[in-house]
Structures are given as structure tokens and as C-alpha cells.
N, C-alpha and C. Protein backbone atom coordinates (compact mmCIF):
# COMPACT_ATOMS: atom_id res chain seq x y z
N UNK A 1 0.61 -1.21 -0.19
CA UNK A 1 0.24 -0.11 -0.23
C UNK A 1 0.90 1.79 0.08
N UNK A 2 0.20 2.39 -0.44
CA UNK A 2 0.95 3.45 -0.80
C UNK A 2 -0.10 5.02 0.28
N UNK A 3 1.05 5.37 1.03
CA UNK A 3 0.10 6.58 1.78
C UNK A 3 0.95 7.97 0.91
N UNK A 4 -0.04 8.70 0.66
CA UNK A 4 0.64 10.28 0.05
C UNK A 4 0.22 11.42 0.99
N UNK A 5 1.27 12.29 0.71
CA UNK A 5 0.84 13.64 1.63
C UNK A 5 1.32 14.68 0.73
N UNK A 6 0.27 15.68 0.35
CA UNK A 6 0.65 16.55 -0.52
C UNK A 6 1.22 18.04 0.33
N UNK A 7 1.72 18.73 -0.37
CA UNK A 7 1.96 19.87 0.27
C UNK A 7 2.47 21.30 -0.71
N UNK A 8 2.60 22.05 -0.01
CA UNK A 8 3.12 23.40 -1.01
C UNK A 8 2.10 24.09 -1.61
N UNK A 9 0.74 23.88 -1.55
CA UNK A 9 -0.32 25.07 -2.03
C UNK A 9 -0.24 26.18 -1.15
N UNK A 10 -1.00 26.84 -1.48
CA UNK A 10 -1.00 28.37 -1.03
C UNK A 10 -1.86 29.27 -1.94
N UNK A 11 -1.54 30.47 -1.49
CA UNK A 11 -2.24 31.88 -2.23
C UNK A 11 -1.14 32.40 -3.08
N UNK A 12 -1.32 32.51 -4.41
CA UNK A 12 -0.26 33.08 -5.26
C UNK A 12 -0.87 34.02 -6.26
N UNK A 13 0.00 35.17 -6.53
CA UNK A 13 -0.81 36.25 -7.49
C UNK A 13 -0.84 35.94 -8.96
N UNK A 14 -1.82 35.82 -10.35
CA UNK A 14 -1.50 35.49 -11.24
C UNK A 14 -0.18 35.62 -11.83
N UNK A 15 0.29 34.75 -12.69
CA UNK A 15 1.77 34.84 -13.42
C UNK A 15 2.98 34.28 -12.34
N UNK A 16 2.39 34.14 -11.16
CA UNK A 16 3.18 33.86 -9.99
C UNK A 16 3.67 31.88 -10.43
N UNK A 17 4.61 31.48 -9.14
CA UNK A 17 4.61 29.88 -9.21
C UNK A 17 4.64 29.43 -8.02
N UNK A 18 4.44 28.31 -8.16
CA UNK A 18 4.07 27.19 -7.02
C UNK A 18 5.15 25.59 -7.26
N UNK A 19 5.36 25.35 -6.12
CA UNK A 19 6.11 23.98 -6.47
C UNK A 19 5.49 22.90 -5.51
N UNK A 20 4.37 22.14 -6.05
CA UNK A 20 3.51 21.03 -5.08
C UNK A 20 4.70 19.77 -4.49
N UNK A 21 4.46 19.01 -3.47
CA UNK A 21 5.34 17.75 -3.63
C UNK A 21 4.16 17.16 -3.02
N UNK A 22 4.61 15.86 -3.30
CA UNK A 22 3.65 14.65 -2.72
C UNK A 22 5.09 13.39 -2.20
N UNK A 23 4.57 13.33 -0.95
CA UNK A 23 5.67 12.38 -0.56
C UNK A 23 5.03 11.35 -0.09
N UNK A 24 5.60 10.00 -0.74
CA UNK A 24 5.24 8.50 -0.90
C UNK A 24 5.65 7.68 0.13
N UNK A 25 4.87 6.90 0.89
CA UNK A 25 5.51 5.91 1.94
C UNK A 25 4.64 4.58 1.90
N UNK A 26 5.15 3.61 2.28
CA UNK A 26 4.58 2.63 2.49
C UNK A 26 4.78 0.85 1.64
N UNK A 27 4.94 1.62 0.25
CA UNK A 27 5.26 0.37 -0.65
C UNK A 27 6.52 0.77 -1.47
N UNK A 28 6.44 0.14 -2.71
CA UNK A 28 7.33 0.43 -3.62
C UNK A 28 7.19 1.51 -4.68
N UNK A 29 7.70 2.76 -4.16
CA UNK A 29 7.00 3.98 -4.95
C UNK A 29 7.76 3.92 -6.28
N UNK A 30 8.64 3.25 -6.92
CA UNK A 30 9.07 3.14 -8.19
C UNK A 30 8.03 2.61 -9.25
N UNK A 31 7.44 1.49 -8.63
CA UNK A 31 6.56 0.72 -9.24
C UNK A 31 5.53 1.50 -9.98
N UNK A 32 5.17 2.34 -9.34
CA UNK A 32 3.64 3.35 -9.44
C UNK A 32 4.04 4.12 -10.50
N UNK A 33 2.77 4.56 -11.49
CA UNK A 33 2.66 5.74 -11.98
C UNK A 33 2.03 6.70 -11.25
N UNK A 34 2.61 8.23 -11.39
CA UNK A 34 1.86 9.03 -10.50
C UNK A 34 1.41 10.37 -11.03
N UNK A 35 0.24 10.52 -10.50
CA UNK A 35 -0.74 11.57 -11.45
C UNK A 35 -0.99 12.79 -10.52
N UNK A 36 -1.32 14.07 -11.06
CA UNK A 36 -1.83 15.40 -9.96
C UNK A 36 -3.18 15.25 -10.63
N UNK A 37 -4.20 15.44 -9.80
CA UNK A 37 -5.37 15.86 -10.33
C UNK A 37 -5.65 17.22 -9.76
N UNK A 38 -6.74 17.88 -9.98
CA UNK A 38 -7.44 19.18 -9.25
C UNK A 38 -9.01 19.12 -9.33
N UNK A 39 -9.31 19.42 -8.19
CA UNK A 39 -10.80 19.52 -8.22
C UNK A 39 -11.26 20.95 -7.82
N UNK A 40 -11.77 21.89 -8.75
CA UNK A 40 -12.43 23.09 -7.98
C UNK A 40 -14.27 23.31 -7.80
N UNK A 41 -14.41 24.11 -7.23
CA UNK A 41 -15.81 23.98 -7.20
C UNK A 41 -16.83 24.54 -8.46
N UNK A 42 -17.78 23.44 -8.39
CA UNK A 42 -18.51 23.57 -9.83
C UNK A 42 -17.74 23.05 -10.90
N UNK A 43 -17.01 22.29 -10.62
CA UNK A 43 -16.12 21.64 -12.18
C UNK A 43 -15.93 19.98 -11.62
N UNK A 44 -15.72 19.34 -12.56
CA UNK A 44 -15.40 18.03 -12.41
C UNK A 44 -14.07 17.93 -12.20
N UNK A 45 -13.55 16.91 -11.79
CA UNK A 45 -12.29 16.57 -11.34
C UNK A 45 -11.37 16.63 -12.74
N UNK A 46 -10.26 16.94 -12.88
CA UNK A 46 -9.53 16.86 -14.16
C UNK A 46 -8.01 16.62 -13.49
N UNK A 47 -7.94 15.77 -14.70
CA UNK A 47 -6.06 15.00 -14.37
C UNK A 47 -5.46 16.28 -15.23
N UNK A 48 -4.53 16.69 -14.45
CA UNK A 48 -3.51 17.37 -14.94
C UNK A 48 -2.17 17.09 -15.29
N UNK A 49 -1.90 16.20 -14.88
CA UNK A 49 -0.25 15.76 -15.63
C UNK A 49 -0.14 14.63 -14.65
N UNK A 50 0.72 13.56 -15.13
CA UNK A 50 1.07 12.06 -15.21
C UNK A 50 2.41 11.31 -15.88
N UNK A 51 2.91 11.15 -14.77
CA UNK A 51 4.08 10.61 -15.24
C UNK A 51 4.35 8.67 -14.78
N UNK A 52 4.44 8.33 -15.75
CA UNK A 52 4.59 6.90 -15.52
C UNK A 52 5.87 6.67 -14.70
N UNK A 53 6.01 5.04 -14.28
CA UNK A 53 6.93 4.57 -13.62
C UNK A 53 8.35 4.64 -14.40
N UNK A 54 8.13 4.77 -15.71
CA UNK A 54 9.46 4.72 -16.52
C UNK A 54 9.84 6.09 -16.58
N UNK A 55 8.62 6.87 -16.10
CA UNK A 55 9.40 8.30 -16.60
C UNK A 55 8.90 9.06 -17.56
N UNK A 56 7.95 8.74 -18.18
CA UNK A 56 7.14 9.67 -19.53
C UNK A 56 6.20 10.34 -18.77
N UNK A 57 6.08 11.47 -19.56
CA UNK A 57 5.15 12.49 -19.13
C UNK A 57 3.90 13.08 -19.68
N UNK A 58 2.96 13.30 -19.47
CA UNK A 58 1.73 13.77 -20.07
C UNK A 58 1.07 14.93 -19.32
N UNK A 59 0.27 15.79 -19.88
CA UNK A 59 -0.24 17.04 -19.44
C UNK A 59 -1.72 17.23 -19.88
N UNK A 60 -2.80 17.76 -18.91
CA UNK A 60 -3.59 18.36 -19.95
C UNK A 60 -3.70 19.47 -20.58
N UNK A 61 -3.98 19.49 -21.65
CA UNK A 61 -3.91 20.61 -22.72
C UNK A 61 -3.97 22.07 -21.96
N UNK A 62 -4.85 22.55 -21.11
CA UNK A 62 -4.75 23.76 -20.17
C UNK A 62 -3.47 24.12 -19.42
N UNK A 63 -2.88 23.14 -19.13
CA UNK A 63 -1.25 23.43 -18.41
C UNK A 63 -0.11 23.19 -19.16
N UNK A 64 -0.28 22.33 -20.53
CA UNK A 64 0.88 21.92 -21.22
C UNK A 64 1.97 23.10 -21.33
N UNK A 65 3.06 23.24 -21.15
CA UNK A 65 4.27 24.00 -21.40
C UNK A 65 4.34 25.14 -20.21
N UNK A 66 3.03 24.64 -19.06
CA UNK A 66 3.37 25.97 -18.05
C UNK A 66 3.46 25.06 -16.78
N UNK A 67 2.78 23.96 -16.57
CA UNK A 67 3.30 23.03 -15.45
C UNK A 67 4.16 21.64 -15.70
N UNK A 68 4.96 21.44 -14.74
CA UNK A 68 6.10 19.98 -15.29
C UNK A 68 6.35 18.97 -14.03
N UNK A 69 5.65 17.75 -14.31
CA UNK A 69 5.66 16.83 -13.39
C UNK A 69 6.95 16.16 -13.50
N UNK A 70 7.45 15.69 -12.09
CA UNK A 70 8.58 15.41 -11.85
C UNK A 70 8.71 14.12 -11.00
N UNK A 71 9.72 13.34 -11.11
CA UNK A 71 9.72 12.21 -9.42
C UNK A 71 10.98 12.03 -9.27
N UNK A 72 11.47 11.51 -7.90
CA UNK A 72 12.43 11.37 -7.74
C UNK A 72 12.19 10.10 -6.67
N UNK A 73 12.80 9.00 -7.57
CA UNK A 73 12.42 7.93 -7.14
C UNK A 73 13.28 7.37 -5.75
N UNK A 74 14.49 7.97 -5.71
CA UNK A 74 15.33 7.76 -4.67
C UNK A 74 14.64 8.48 -3.34
N UNK A 75 14.04 9.59 -3.59
CA UNK A 75 13.59 10.03 -1.98
C UNK A 75 12.29 10.05 -1.99
N UNK A 76 11.38 8.92 -2.74
CA UNK A 76 10.03 8.80 -2.99
C UNK A 76 9.00 10.29 -2.77
N UNK A 77 9.53 10.70 -3.83
CA UNK A 77 8.61 12.19 -3.77
C UNK A 77 8.52 12.51 -5.39
N UNK A 78 7.24 13.52 -5.84
CA UNK A 78 6.85 13.45 -6.90
C UNK A 78 6.30 15.00 -6.63
N UNK A 79 6.71 16.01 -7.61
CA UNK A 79 6.60 17.39 -7.82
C UNK A 79 5.54 17.72 -9.02
N UNK A 80 5.15 18.81 -8.60
CA UNK A 80 4.60 19.58 -9.68
C UNK A 80 4.87 20.90 -9.73
N UNK A 81 5.90 21.70 -10.39
CA UNK A 81 5.86 22.71 -11.04
C UNK A 81 4.92 23.64 -11.81
N UNK A 82 4.55 24.45 -10.94
CA UNK A 82 3.24 25.23 -11.48
C UNK A 82 3.85 26.96 -11.97
N UNK A 83 3.84 27.02 -12.98
CA UNK A 83 4.71 28.42 -13.48
C UNK A 83 3.09 29.38 -14.28
N UNK A 84 3.22 30.29 -14.47
CA UNK A 84 2.36 30.94 -14.95
C UNK A 84 1.24 30.76 -14.58
N UNK A 85 0.86 31.13 -13.20
CA UNK A 85 -0.43 30.59 -12.98
C UNK A 85 -1.57 31.22 -13.56
N UNK A 86 -2.68 30.97 -13.52
CA UNK A 86 -4.08 31.60 -14.17
C UNK A 86 -5.10 31.44 -12.81
N UNK A 87 -6.24 32.42 -13.06
CA UNK A 87 -7.22 31.98 -11.80
C UNK A 87 -8.03 30.85 -11.88
N UNK A 88 -7.97 30.13 -13.43
CA UNK A 88 -8.57 29.04 -13.24
C UNK A 88 -8.01 28.12 -12.72
N UNK A 89 -6.57 27.90 -12.25
CA UNK A 89 -5.99 26.89 -12.21
C UNK A 89 -6.30 26.91 -10.56
N UNK A 90 -7.48 27.72 -9.92
CA UNK A 90 -7.29 27.75 -8.34
C UNK A 90 -7.87 26.56 -8.09
N UNK A 91 -7.49 25.55 -7.42
CA UNK A 91 -8.29 24.30 -7.39
C UNK A 91 -7.69 23.60 -6.22
N UNK A 92 -8.53 22.53 -5.60
CA UNK A 92 -7.16 21.43 -4.43
C UNK A 92 -6.61 20.99 -5.38
N UNK A 93 -5.25 20.24 -5.00
CA UNK A 93 -4.50 19.45 -6.33
C UNK A 93 -4.29 18.06 -5.07
N UNK A 94 -4.59 17.12 -6.25
CA UNK A 94 -4.33 15.77 -5.23
C UNK A 94 -3.57 15.07 -5.82
N UNK A 95 -2.69 14.54 -5.14
CA UNK A 95 -1.58 13.17 -5.78
C UNK A 95 -2.29 12.09 -5.72
N UNK A 96 -1.93 11.35 -6.85
CA UNK A 96 -2.49 9.85 -7.09
C UNK A 96 -1.49 9.03 -7.57
N UNK A 97 -1.43 7.52 -6.89
CA UNK A 97 -0.43 6.70 -7.10
C UNK A 97 -1.38 5.84 -7.78
N UNK A 98 -0.81 4.81 -8.69
CA UNK A 98 -1.82 4.18 -9.69
C UNK A 98 -0.92 3.14 -9.97
N UNK A 99 -1.23 1.63 -10.50
CA UNK A 99 -0.59 0.31 -10.86
C UNK A 99 -1.76 -0.24 -11.62
N UNK A 100 -1.58 -0.61 -12.77
CA UNK A 100 -2.48 -1.51 -13.20
C UNK A 100 -1.79 -3.23 -12.60
N UNK A 101 -3.40 -3.80 -12.42
CA UNK A 101 -3.21 -5.02 -11.71
C UNK A 101 -3.93 -5.88 -12.85
N UNK A 102 -3.87 -7.39 -13.34
CA UNK A 102 -3.86 -8.15 -13.90
C UNK A 102 -5.05 -8.95 -13.21
N UNK A 103 -6.37 -8.97 -13.70
CA UNK A 103 -7.32 -9.72 -13.01
C UNK A 103 -8.21 -8.81 -11.73
N UNK A 104 -7.39 -7.90 -11.30
CA UNK A 104 -8.14 -7.68 -10.14
C UNK A 104 -8.24 -6.02 -10.56
N UNK A 105 -8.85 -5.17 -9.39
CA UNK A 105 -8.77 -3.95 -9.52
C UNK A 105 -7.78 -3.11 -9.71
N UNK A 106 -7.22 -1.93 -10.09
CA UNK A 106 -5.83 -1.48 -10.30
C UNK A 106 -5.78 -0.90 -8.82
N UNK A 107 -4.43 -1.02 -8.48
CA UNK A 107 -3.95 -0.20 -7.22
C UNK A 107 -4.26 1.87 -7.27
N UNK A 108 -5.01 2.41 -6.58
CA UNK A 108 -5.18 3.73 -6.78
C UNK A 108 -5.34 4.06 -5.42
N UNK A 109 -4.35 4.96 -5.24
CA UNK A 109 -4.06 5.60 -4.03
C UNK A 109 -4.14 7.41 -3.98
N UNK A 110 -4.97 8.14 -3.24
CA UNK A 110 -4.59 9.21 -3.43
C UNK A 110 -3.95 9.89 -1.99
N UNK A 111 -3.80 11.34 -1.97
CA UNK A 111 -3.58 12.08 -1.08
C UNK A 111 -4.73 12.95 -0.42
N UNK A 112 -4.64 13.59 0.71
CA UNK A 112 -5.57 14.58 1.26
C UNK A 112 -5.93 15.81 0.46
N UNK A 113 -5.10 16.32 -0.57
CA UNK A 113 -5.34 17.40 -1.39
C UNK A 113 -4.34 18.94 -0.39
N UNK A 114 -4.03 19.91 -1.64
CA UNK A 114 -3.64 20.60 -0.88
C UNK A 114 -4.29 21.76 -1.75
N UNK A 115 -4.32 22.68 -0.95
CA UNK A 115 -5.13 24.20 -2.21
C UNK A 115 -3.95 25.09 -2.81
N UNK A 116 -4.78 25.19 -3.60
CA UNK A 116 -3.90 26.66 -4.63
C UNK A 116 -4.73 27.46 -4.97
N UNK A 117 -5.03 28.76 -4.35
CA UNK A 117 -5.68 30.01 -5.10
C UNK A 117 -4.76 30.60 -5.39
N UNK A 118 -5.67 30.98 -6.84
CA UNK A 118 -4.43 31.71 -7.64
C UNK A 118 -5.17 33.24 -7.69
N UNK A 119 -4.91 34.64 -6.96
CA UNK A 119 -5.90 35.74 -7.39
C UNK A 119 -4.98 36.79 -6.81
N UNK A 120 -5.68 37.68 -7.44
CA UNK A 120 -4.78 39.07 -7.22
C UNK A 120 -5.52 39.94 -6.05
């Protein structure tokens, strides 16, 4: 099993930057895909960024070129560097660990979330 704890959220002005961190423990971190989701009031949960166990990355169109997901397997950490932030980026950001399993439900673990507010 995996336990996830997000940190790094806060209040930032439009155009500013934040780096979110996700600390993982309790299992073998390197075998999991890691994802960042966000959920804003009145909107559906959105997948923001994805990094596979092999290090390949994908991003939502709305954050492509502004956000960067990375992982440090030696430290059991995942990061989301967010630059050029916009008010529409305001949401609770969640770290997710995912691993496909054959014949059973996939492993799927979530952190508690960290609030990001982009406002002047």
C-alpha cells in the first residue's frame, strides 16, 4: 500500500509560481505511475499531469508548457512545478498513485489534497 501526503499549496498572484510536493511511503514507490489531479468548486475533477513508472510524462492541454511533473524515486517524491499561474488554476490538487493489476482492480491511492488559490 501507498500513503501520500501533498504539500506546497497556497495563495499566489496570477503569473506566479508554486511547486507542489507529494511524499509517498508504505510501498515500492518506483513501480507506480504518479498523477496530479485538481478539483475546483463547480467543476469536474481534472487530470492535470501524469508521469509513468518509466518517467514518461503527459499533461492536460490547459497546463501544457506551464506545469512540469517530475519524480525522484530515491526520495519517494513527486513534484508539480506550476508556472505562469492563472485564476482558473485555482483548485484543490491531489496526488494519485496508480498501478494496473491483471485480473483485479488497479491499485489506486490518493492524498488528502492541497489548496492552490491564484488571485490578485
